[in-house]
PDB file of N, CA and C in Angstrom:
ATOM      1  N   UNK A   1       0.868  -1.176   0.000  1.00  0.00           N
ATOM      2  CA  UNK A   1       0.000   0.000   0.000  1.00  0.00           C
ATOM      3  C   UNK A   1       0.909   1.232   0.000  1.00  0.00           C
ATOM      4  N   UNK A   2       0.731   2.121  -0.938  1.00  0.00           N
ATOM      5  CA  UNK A   2       1.651   3.259  -1.077  1.00  0.00           C
ATOM      6  C   UNK A   2       1.068   4.566  -0.531  1.00  0.00           C
ATOM      7  N   UNK A   3       0.457   4.538   0.617  1.00  0.00           N
ATOM      8  CA  UNK A   3      -0.113   5.756   1.198  1.00  0.00           C
ATOM      9  C   UNK A   3       0.875   6.322   2.212  1.00  0.00           C
ATOM     10  N   UNK A   4       1.237   7.588   2.024  1.00  0.00           N
ATOM     11  CA  UNK A   4       2.131   8.281   2.937  1.00  0.00           C
ATOM     12  C   UNK A   4       1.364   9.327   3.727  1.00  0.00           C
ATOM     13  N   UNK A   5       1.987   9.808   4.795  1.00  0.00           N
ATOM     14  CA  UNK A   5       1.310  10.765   5.675  1.00  0.00           C
ATOM     15  C   UNK A   5       2.236  11.929   5.985  1.00  0.00           C
ATOM     16  N   UNK A   6       1.655  13.122   5.993  1.00  0.00           N
ATOM     17  CA  UNK A   6       2.339  14.318   6.461  1.00  0.00           C
ATOM     18  C   UNK A   6       1.449  14.987   7.502  1.00  0.00           C
ATOM     19  N   UNK A   7       2.044  15.341   8.639  1.00  0.00           N
ATOM     20  CA  UNK A   7       1.325  16.107   9.658  1.00  0.00           C
ATOM     21  C   UNK A   7       1.671  17.575   9.429  1.00  0.00           C
ATOM     22  N   UNK A   8       0.674  18.384   9.115  1.00  0.00           N
ATOM     23  CA  UNK A   8       0.867  19.808   8.866  1.00  0.00           C
ATOM     24  C   UNK A   8       0.508  20.585  10.115  1.00  0.00           C
ATOM     25  N   UNK A   9       1.405  21.481  10.526  1.00  0.00           N
ATOM     26  CA  UNK A   9       1.141  22.340  11.679  1.00  0.00           C
ATOM     27  C   UNK A   9       1.290  23.775  11.220  1.00  0.00           C
ATOM     28  N   UNK A  10       0.363  24.610  11.626  1.00  0.00           N
ATOM     29  CA  UNK A  10       0.454  26.020  11.300  1.00  0.00           C
ATOM     30  C   UNK A  10      -0.686  26.485  10.419  1.00  0.00           C
ATOM     31  N   UNK A  11      -0.706  27.760  10.191  1.00  0.00           N
ATOM     32  CA  UNK A  11      -1.747  28.396   9.395  1.00  0.00           C
ATOM     33  C   UNK A  11      -2.057  29.744  10.003  1.00  0.00           C
ATOM     34  N   UNK A  12      -1.535  30.777   9.397  1.00  0.00           N
ATOM     35  CA  UNK A  12      -1.632  32.104  10.015  1.00  0.00           C
ATOM     36  C   UNK A  12      -3.066  32.627  10.091  1.00  0.00           C
ATOM     37  N   UNK A  13      -3.915  32.279   9.133  1.00  0.00           N
ATOM     38  CA  UNK A  13      -5.297  32.776   9.164  1.00  0.00           C
ATOM     39  C   UNK A  13      -6.052  32.264  10.387  1.00  0.00           C
ATOM     40  N   UNK A  14      -5.980  30.970  10.618  1.00  0.00           N
ATOM     41  CA  UNK A  14      -6.696  30.406  11.768  1.00  0.00           C
ATOM     42  C   UNK A  14      -6.046  30.840  13.080  1.00  0.00           C
ATOM     43  N   UNK A  15      -4.724  30.977  13.087  1.00  0.00           N
ATOM     44  CA  UNK A  15      -4.033  31.422  14.292  1.00  0.00           C
ATOM     45  C   UNK A  15      -4.473  32.831  14.677  1.00  0.00           C
ATOM     46  N   UNK A  16      -4.664  33.708  13.683  1.00  0.00           N
ATOM     47  CA  UNK A  16      -5.125  35.065  13.962  1.00  0.00           C
ATOM     48  C   UNK A  16      -6.509  35.066  14.591  1.00  0.00           C
ATOM     49  N   UNK A  17      -7.368  34.143  14.181  1.00  0.00           N
ATOM     50  CA  UNK A  17      -8.730  34.091  14.698  1.00  0.00           C
ATOM     51  C   UNK A  17      -8.815  33.416  16.062  1.00  0.00           C
ATOM     52  N   UNK A  18      -8.058  32.318  16.243  1.00  0.00           N
ATOM     53  CA  UNK A  18      -8.227  31.500  17.441  1.00  0.00           C
ATOM     54  C   UNK A  18      -7.048  31.559  18.419  1.00  0.00           C
ATOM     55  N   UNK A  19      -5.886  31.960  17.947  1.00  0.00           N
ATOM     56  CA  UNK A  19      -4.704  31.968  18.793  1.00  0.00           C
ATOM     57  C   UNK A  19      -4.056  30.600  18.934  1.00  0.00           C
ATOM     58  N   UNK A  20      -4.513  29.631  18.139  1.00  0.00           N
ATOM     59  CA  UNK A  20      -3.989  28.270  18.180  1.00  0.00           C
ATOM     60  C   UNK A  20      -3.598  27.858  16.759  1.00  0.00           C
ATOM     61  N   UNK A  21      -2.409  27.273  16.626  1.00  0.00           N
ATOM     62  CA  UNK A  21      -2.012  26.749  15.316  1.00  0.00           C
ATOM     63  C   UNK A  21      -2.777  25.453  15.045  1.00  0.00           C
ATOM     64  N   UNK A  22      -3.468  25.368  13.930  1.00  0.00           N
ATOM     65  CA  UNK A  22      -4.203  24.139  13.608  1.00  0.00           C
ATOM     66  C   UNK A  22      -3.246  23.037  13.160  1.00  0.00           C
ATOM     67  N   UNK A  23      -3.702  21.794  13.308  1.00  0.00           N
ATOM     68  CA  UNK A  23      -2.944  20.635  12.838  1.00  0.00           C
ATOM     69  C   UNK A  23      -3.823  19.848  11.877  1.00  0.00           C
ATOM     70  N   UNK A  24      -3.222  19.397  10.790  1.00  0.00           N
ATOM     71  CA  UNK A  24      -3.929  18.609   9.785  1.00  0.00           C
ATOM     72  C   UNK A  24      -3.144  17.338   9.513  1.00  0.00           C
ATOM     73  N   UNK A  25      -3.849  16.292   9.125  1.00  0.00           N
ATOM     74  CA  UNK A  25      -3.205  15.069   8.666  1.00  0.00           C
ATOM     75  C   UNK A  25      -3.487  14.967   7.173  1.00  0.00           C
ATOM     76  N   UNK A  26      -2.428  14.832   6.394  1.00  0.00           N
ATOM     77  CA  UNK A  26      -2.523  14.775   4.941  1.00  0.00           C
ATOM     78  C   UNK A  26      -2.085  13.389   4.476  1.00  0.00           C
ATOM     79  N   UNK A  27      -3.001  12.666   3.848  1.00  0.00           N
ATOM     80  CA  UNK A  27      -2.697  11.362   3.259  1.00  0.00           C
ATOM     81  C   UNK A  27      -2.471  11.584   1.768  1.00  0.00           C
ATOM     82  N   UNK A  28      -1.506  10.872   1.193  1.00  0.00           N
ATOM     83  CA  UNK A  28      -1.277  11.001  -0.244  1.00  0.00           C
ATOM     84  C   UNK A  28      -0.879   9.646  -0.820  1.00  0.00           C
ATOM     85  N   UNK A  29      -1.317   9.408  -2.051  1.00  0.00           N
ATOM     86  CA  UNK A  29      -0.997   8.175  -2.760  1.00  0.00           C
ATOM     87  C   UNK A  29      -0.610   8.530  -4.184  1.00  0.00           C
ATOM     88  N   UNK A  30       0.642   8.252  -4.548  1.00  0.00           N
ATOM     89  CA  UNK A  30       1.075   8.520  -5.921  1.00  0.00           C
ATOM     90  C   UNK A  30       0.469   7.502  -6.879  1.00  0.00           C
ATOM     91  N   UNK A  31       0.228   6.295  -6.408  1.00  0.00           N
ATOM     92  CA  UNK A  31      -0.373   5.256  -7.240  1.00  0.00           C
ATOM     93  C   UNK A  31      -1.807   5.624  -7.637  1.00  0.00           C
ATOM     94  N   UNK A  32      -2.579   6.121  -6.670  1.00  0.00           N
ATOM     95  CA  UNK A  32      -3.974   6.493  -6.935  1.00  0.00           C
ATOM     96  C   UNK A  32      -4.123   7.937  -7.395  1.00  0.00           C
ATOM     97  N   UNK A  33      -3.034   8.727  -7.295  1.00  0.00           N
ATOM     98  CA  UNK A  33      -3.041  10.151  -7.640  1.00  0.00           C
ATOM     99  C   UNK A  33      -4.115  10.896  -6.847  1.00  0.00           C
ATOM    100  N   UNK A  34      -4.102  10.657  -5.511  1.00  0.00           N
ATOM    101  CA  UNK A  34      -5.107  11.242  -4.629  1.00  0.00           C
ATOM    102  C   UNK A  34      -4.454  11.817  -3.386  1.00  0.00           C
ATOM    103  N   UNK A  35      -5.080  12.855  -2.827  1.00  0.00           N
ATOM    104  CA  UNK A  35      -4.720  13.435  -1.540  1.00  0.00           C
ATOM    105  C   UNK A  35      -5.987  13.537  -0.702  1.00  0.00           C
ATOM    106  N   UNK A  36      -5.838  13.356   0.593  1.00  0.00           N
ATOM    107  CA  UNK A  36      -6.933  13.554   1.542  1.00  0.00           C
ATOM    108  C   UNK A  36      -6.390  14.395   2.683  1.00  0.00           C
ATOM    109  N   UNK A  37      -7.165  15.344   3.163  1.00  0.00           N
ATOM    110  CA  UNK A  37      -6.723  16.189   4.268  1.00  0.00           C
ATOM    111  C   UNK A  37      -7.831  16.284   5.314  1.00  0.00           C
ATOM    112  N   UNK A  38      -7.447  16.057   6.577  1.00  0.00           N
ATOM    113  CA  UNK A  38      -8.384  16.120   7.689  1.00  0.00           C
ATOM    114  C   UNK A  38      -7.765  16.939   8.812  1.00  0.00           C
ATOM    115  N   UNK A  39      -8.572  17.685   9.513  1.00  0.00           N
ATOM    116  CA  UNK A  39      -8.102  18.433  10.672  1.00  0.00           C
ATOM    117  C   UNK A  39      -7.933  17.460  11.835  1.00  0.00           C
ATOM    118  N   UNK A  40      -6.778  17.534  12.508  1.00  0.00           N
ATOM    119  CA  UNK A  40      -6.540  16.708  13.691  1.00  0.00           C
ATOM    120  C   UNK A  40      -7.165  17.386  14.887  1.00  0.00           C
ATOM    121  N   UNK A  41      -8.052  16.681  15.550  1.00  0.00           N
ATOM    122  CA  UNK A  41      -8.791  17.262  16.667  1.00  0.00           C
ATOM    123  C   UNK A  41      -8.293  16.788  18.023  1.00  0.00           C
ATOM    124  N   UNK A  42      -7.410  15.804  18.041  1.00  0.00           N
ATOM    125  CA  UNK A  42      -6.888  15.286  19.305  1.00  0.00           C
ATOM    126  C   UNK A  42      -5.675  14.423  19.060  1.00  0.00           C
ATOM    127  N   UNK A  43      -5.278  13.678  20.087  1.00  0.00           N
ATOM    128  CA  UNK A  43      -4.115  12.803  19.964  1.00  0.00           C
ATOM    129  C   UNK A  43      -4.441  11.522  19.211  1.00  0.00           C
ATOM    130  N   UNK A  44      -5.703  11.137  19.194  1.00  0.00           N
ATOM    131  CA  UNK A  44      -6.138   9.940  18.468  1.00  0.00           C
ATOM    132  C   UNK A  44      -7.313  10.301  17.571  1.00  0.00           C
ATOM    133  N   UNK A  45      -7.333   9.690  16.395  1.00  0.00           N
ATOM    134  CA  UNK A  45      -8.403   9.985  15.449  1.00  0.00           C
ATOM    135  C   UNK A  45      -8.538   8.810  14.488  1.00  0.00           C
ATOM    136  N   UNK A  46      -9.755   8.562  14.055  1.00  0.00           N
ATOM    137  CA  UNK A  46      -9.993   7.537  13.045  1.00  0.00           C
ATOM    138  C   UNK A  46     -10.979   8.091  12.036  1.00  0.00           C
ATOM    139  N   UNK A  47     -10.986   7.495  10.852  1.00  0.00           N
ATOM    140  CA  UNK A  47     -11.878   7.980   9.812  1.00  0.00           C
ATOM    141  C   UNK A  47     -11.803   7.119   8.567  1.00  0.00           C
ATOM    142  N   UNK A  48     -12.396   7.640   7.500  1.00  0.00           N
ATOM    143  CA  UNK A  48     -12.501   6.919   6.232  1.00  0.00           C
ATOM    144  C   UNK A  48     -11.958   7.806   5.120  1.00  0.00           C
ATOM    145  N   UNK A  49     -11.155   7.212   4.247  1.00  0.00           N
ATOM    146  CA  UNK A  49     -10.681   7.894   3.041  1.00  0.00           C
ATOM    147  C   UNK A  49     -11.572   7.440   1.894  1.00  0.00           C
ATOM    148  N   UNK A  50     -12.135   8.395   1.174  1.00  0.00           N
ATOM    149  CA  UNK A  50     -13.077   8.064   0.104  1.00  0.00           C
ATOM    150  C   UNK A  50     -12.480   8.372  -1.259  1.00  0.00           C
ATOM    151  N   UNK A  51     -12.897   7.602  -2.243  1.00  0.00           N
ATOM    152  CA  UNK A  51     -12.570   7.855  -3.638  1.00  0.00           C
ATOM    153  C   UNK A  51     -13.892   7.932  -4.381  1.00  0.00           C
ATOM    154  N   UNK A  52     -14.150   9.059  -5.042  1.00  0.00           N
ATOM    155  CA  UNK A  52     -15.418   9.290  -5.749  1.00  0.00           C
ATOM    156  C   UNK A  52     -16.625   9.055  -4.839  1.00  0.00           C
ATOM    157  N   UNK A  53     -16.542   9.585  -3.625  1.00  0.00           N
ATOM    158  CA  UNK A  53     -17.601   9.532  -2.606  1.00  0.00           C
ATOM    159  C   UNK A  53     -17.881   8.130  -2.078  1.00  0.00           C
ATOM    160  N   UNK A  54     -17.034   7.159  -2.414  1.00  0.00           N
ATOM    161  CA  UNK A  54     -17.183   5.795  -1.929  1.00  0.00           C
ATOM    162  C   UNK A  54     -16.040   5.482  -0.961  1.00  0.00           C
ATOM    163  N   UNK A  55     -16.320   4.890   0.196  1.00  0.00           N
ATOM    164  CA  UNK A  55     -15.253   4.538   1.137  1.00  0.00           C
ATOM    165  C   UNK A  55     -14.249   3.583   0.496  1.00  0.00           C
ATOM    166  N   UNK A  56     -12.957   3.912   0.617  1.00  0.00           N
ATOM    167  CA  UNK A  56     -11.900   3.074   0.047  1.00  0.00           C
ATOM    168  C   UNK A  56     -10.971   2.524   1.126  1.00  0.00           C
ATOM    169  N   UNK A  57     -10.698   3.338   2.169  1.00  0.00           N
ATOM    170  CA  UNK A  57      -9.787   2.938   3.239  1.00  0.00           C
ATOM    171  C   UNK A  57     -10.305   3.441   4.580  1.00  0.00           C
ATOM    172  N   UNK A  58      -9.965   2.714   5.632  1.00  0.00           N
ATOM    173  CA  UNK A  58     -10.185   3.180   7.003  1.00  0.00           C
ATOM    174  C   UNK A  58      -8.816   3.480   7.583  1.00  0.00           C
ATOM    175  N   UNK A  59      -8.747   4.492   8.458  1.00  0.00           N
ATOM    176  CA  UNK A  59      -7.483   4.788   9.112  1.00  0.00           C
ATOM    177  C   UNK A  59      -7.688   5.000  10.601  1.00  0.00           C
ATOM    178  N   UNK A  60      -6.644   4.719  11.365  1.00  0.00           N
ATOM    179  CA  UNK A  60      -6.597   4.987  12.799  1.00  0.00           C
ATOM    180  C   UNK A  60      -5.247   5.643  13.073  1.00  0.00           C
ATOM    181  N   UNK A  61      -5.292   6.883  13.572  1.00  0.00           N
ATOM    182  CA  UNK A  61      -4.076   7.643  13.841  1.00  0.00           C
ATOM    183  C   UNK A  61      -3.940   7.863  15.340  1.00  0.00           C
ATOM    184  N   UNK A  62      -2.712   7.703  15.840  1.00  0.00           N
ATOM    185  CA  UNK A  62      -2.408   7.958  17.242  1.00  0.00           C
ATOM    186  C   UNK A  62      -1.046   8.635  17.313  1.00  0.00           C
ATOM    187  N   UNK A  63      -0.947   9.684  18.135  1.00  0.00           N
ATOM    188  CA  UNK A  63       0.327  10.374  18.314  1.00  0.00           C
ATOM    189  C   UNK A  63       1.396   9.412  18.816  1.00  0.00           C
ATOM    190  N   UNK A  64       1.013   8.460  19.650  1.00  0.00           N
ATOM    191  CA  UNK A  64       1.975   7.557  20.283  1.00  0.00           C
ATOM    192  C   UNK A  64       2.340   6.352  19.421  1.00  0.00           C
ATOM    193  N   UNK A  65       1.360   5.740  18.781  1.00  0.00           N
ATOM    194  CA  UNK A  65       1.628   4.493  18.066  1.00  0.00           C
ATOM    195  C   UNK A  65       1.645   4.636  16.546  1.00  0.00           C
ATOM    196  N   UNK A  66       1.455   5.825  16.001  1.00  0.00           N
ATOM    197  CA  UNK A  66       1.510   6.021  14.556  1.00  0.00           C
ATOM    198  C   UNK A  66       0.161   5.885  13.885  1.00  0.00           C
ATOM    199  N   UNK A  67       0.190   5.406  12.653  1.00  0.00           N
ATOM    200  CA  UNK A  67      -1.044   5.314  11.863  1.00  0.00           C
ATOM    201  C   UNK A  67      -1.099   3.969  11.158  1.00  0.00           C
ATOM    202  N   UNK A  68      -2.299   3.419  11.107  1.00  0.00           N
ATOM    203  CA  UNK A  68      -2.511   2.197  10.347  1.00  0.00           C
ATOM    204  C   UNK A  68      -3.707   2.380   9.430  1.00  0.00           C
ATOM    205  N   UNK A  69      -3.656   1.689   8.290  1.00  0.00           N
ATOM    206  CA  UNK A  69      -4.676   1.837   7.246  1.00  0.00           C
ATOM    207  C   UNK A  69      -5.138   0.455   6.810  1.00  0.00           C
ATOM    208  N   UNK A  70      -6.440   0.376   6.535  1.00  0.00           N
ATOM    209  CA  UNK A  70      -7.034  -0.874   6.075  1.00  0.00           C
ATOM    210  C   UNK A  70      -7.887  -0.579   4.850  1.00  0.00           C
ATOM    211  N   UNK A  71      -7.679  -1.332   3.777  1.00  0.00           N
ATOM    212  CA  UNK A  71      -8.528  -1.200   2.596  1.00  0.00           C
ATOM    213  C   UNK A  71      -9.900  -1.776   2.931  1.00  0.00           C
ATOM    214  N   UNK A  72     -10.947  -1.119   2.470  1.00  0.00           N
ATOM    215  CA  UNK A  72     -12.310  -1.601   2.713  1.00  0.00           C
ATOM    216  C   UNK A  72     -12.461  -2.980   2.068  1.00  0.00           C
ATOM    217  N   UNK A  73     -12.991  -3.924   2.812  1.00  0.00           N
ATOM    218  CA  UNK A  73     -13.184  -5.277   2.315  1.00  0.00           C
ATOM    219  C   UNK A  73     -12.054  -6.228   2.670  1.00  0.00           C
ATOM    220  N   UNK A  74     -10.957  -5.697   3.224  1.00  0.00           N
ATOM    221  CA  UNK A  74      -9.845  -6.540   3.653  1.00  0.00           C
ATOM    222  C   UNK A  74      -9.840  -6.639   5.170  1.00  0.00           C
ATOM    223  N   UNK A  75      -9.167  -7.657   5.690  1.00  0.00           N
ATOM    224  CA  UNK A  75      -9.085  -7.841   7.134  1.00  0.00           C
ATOM    225  C   UNK A  75      -7.743  -7.412   7.703  1.00  0.00           C
ATOM    226  N   UNK A  76      -6.778  -7.113   6.853  1.00  0.00           N
ATOM    227  CA  UNK A  76      -5.422  -6.823   7.298  1.00  0.00           C
ATOM    228  C   UNK A  76      -5.161  -5.322   7.378  1.00  0.00           C
ATOM    229  N   UNK A  77      -4.597  -4.871   8.514  1.00  0.00           N
ATOM    230  CA  UNK A  77      -4.194  -3.481   8.691  1.00  0.00           C
ATOM    231  C   UNK A  77      -2.740  -3.331   8.272  1.00  0.00           C
ATOM    232  N   UNK A  78      -2.399  -2.195   7.658  1.00  0.00           N
ATOM    233  CA  UNK A  78      -1.030  -1.888   7.252  1.00  0.00           C
ATOM    234  C   UNK A  78      -0.576  -0.646   8.012  1.00  0.00           C
ATOM    235  N   UNK A  79       0.599  -0.734   8.640  1.00  0.00           N
ATOM    236  CA  UNK A  79       1.145   0.427   9.348  1.00  0.00           C
ATOM    237  C   UNK A  79       1.894   1.319   8.378  1.00  0.00           C
ATOM    238  N   UNK A  80       1.712   2.628   8.509  1.00  0.00           N
ATOM    239  CA  UNK A  80       2.424   3.600   7.682  1.00  0.00           C
ATOM    240  C   UNK A  80       3.805   3.777   8.290  1.00  0.00           C
ATOM    241  N   UNK A  81       4.831   3.520   7.491  1.00  0.00           N
ATOM    242  CA  UNK A  81       6.209   3.545   7.977  1.00  0.00           C
ATOM    243  C   UNK A  81       6.725   4.974   8.096  1.00  0.00           C
ATOM    244  N   UNK A  82       6.428   5.794   7.114  1.00  0.00           N
ATOM    245  CA  UNK A  82       6.989   7.148   7.052  1.00  0.00           C
ATOM    246  C   UNK A  82       5.909   8.197   7.338  1.00  0.00           C
ATOM    247  N   UNK A  83       6.084   8.929   8.434  1.00  0.00           N
ATOM    248  CA  UNK A  83       5.193  10.047   8.757  1.00  0.00           C
ATOM    249  C   UNK A  83       6.058  11.293   8.875  1.00  0.00           C
ATOM    250  N   UNK A  84       5.825  12.253   7.982  1.00  0.00           N
ATOM    251  CA  UNK A  84       6.583  13.510   7.989  1.00  0.00           C
ATOM    252  C   UNK A  84       5.811  14.567   8.766  1.00  0.00           C
ATOM    253  N   UNK A  85       6.537  15.537   9.303  1.00  0.00           N
ATOM    254  CA  UNK A  85       5.921  16.669   9.979  1.00  0.00           C
ATOM    255  C   UNK A  85       6.396  17.950   9.302  1.00  0.00           C
ATOM    256  N   UNK A  86       5.463  18.860   9.017  1.00  0.00           N
ATOM    257  CA  UNK A  86       5.773  20.130   8.340  1.00  0.00           C
ATOM    258  C   UNK A  86       5.160  21.287   9.104  1.00  0.00           C
ATOM    259  N   UNK A  87       5.917  22.356   9.251  1.00  0.00           N
ATOM    260  CA  UNK A  87       5.381  23.607   9.811  1.00  0.00           C
ATOM    261  C   UNK A  87       5.137  24.563   8.661  1.00  0.00           C
ATOM    262  N   UNK A  88       3.994  25.241   8.688  1.00  0.00           N
ATOM    263  CA  UNK A  88       3.657  26.201   7.639  1.00  0.00           C
ATOM    264  C   UNK A  88       3.169  27.502   8.261  1.00  0.00           C
ATOM    265  N   UNK A  89       3.357  28.581   7.532  1.00  0.00           N
ATOM    266  CA  UNK A  89       2.840  29.886   7.967  1.00  0.00           C
ATOM    267  C   UNK A  89       1.554  30.203   7.279  1.00  0.00           C
TER     268      UNK A  89
END
């Protein structure tokens, strides 16, 4: 499974309004030519990645244990090996 993850921190517009830098989790797949972006609301989060409005993958993200992804219809979870962190203004 070729899905990579980047944790984005920052965003001057939201920081000006709330005083808190937002955090986002960005999933990307070069094989599928797709990106998904979700706002991180806590230390743990789970959700669904959709392709053409249809669920394609489930994910479970944890600050401590990383992220794992499961294709819909499969029983096996795959751990994401590479998680990058980026700061943005």
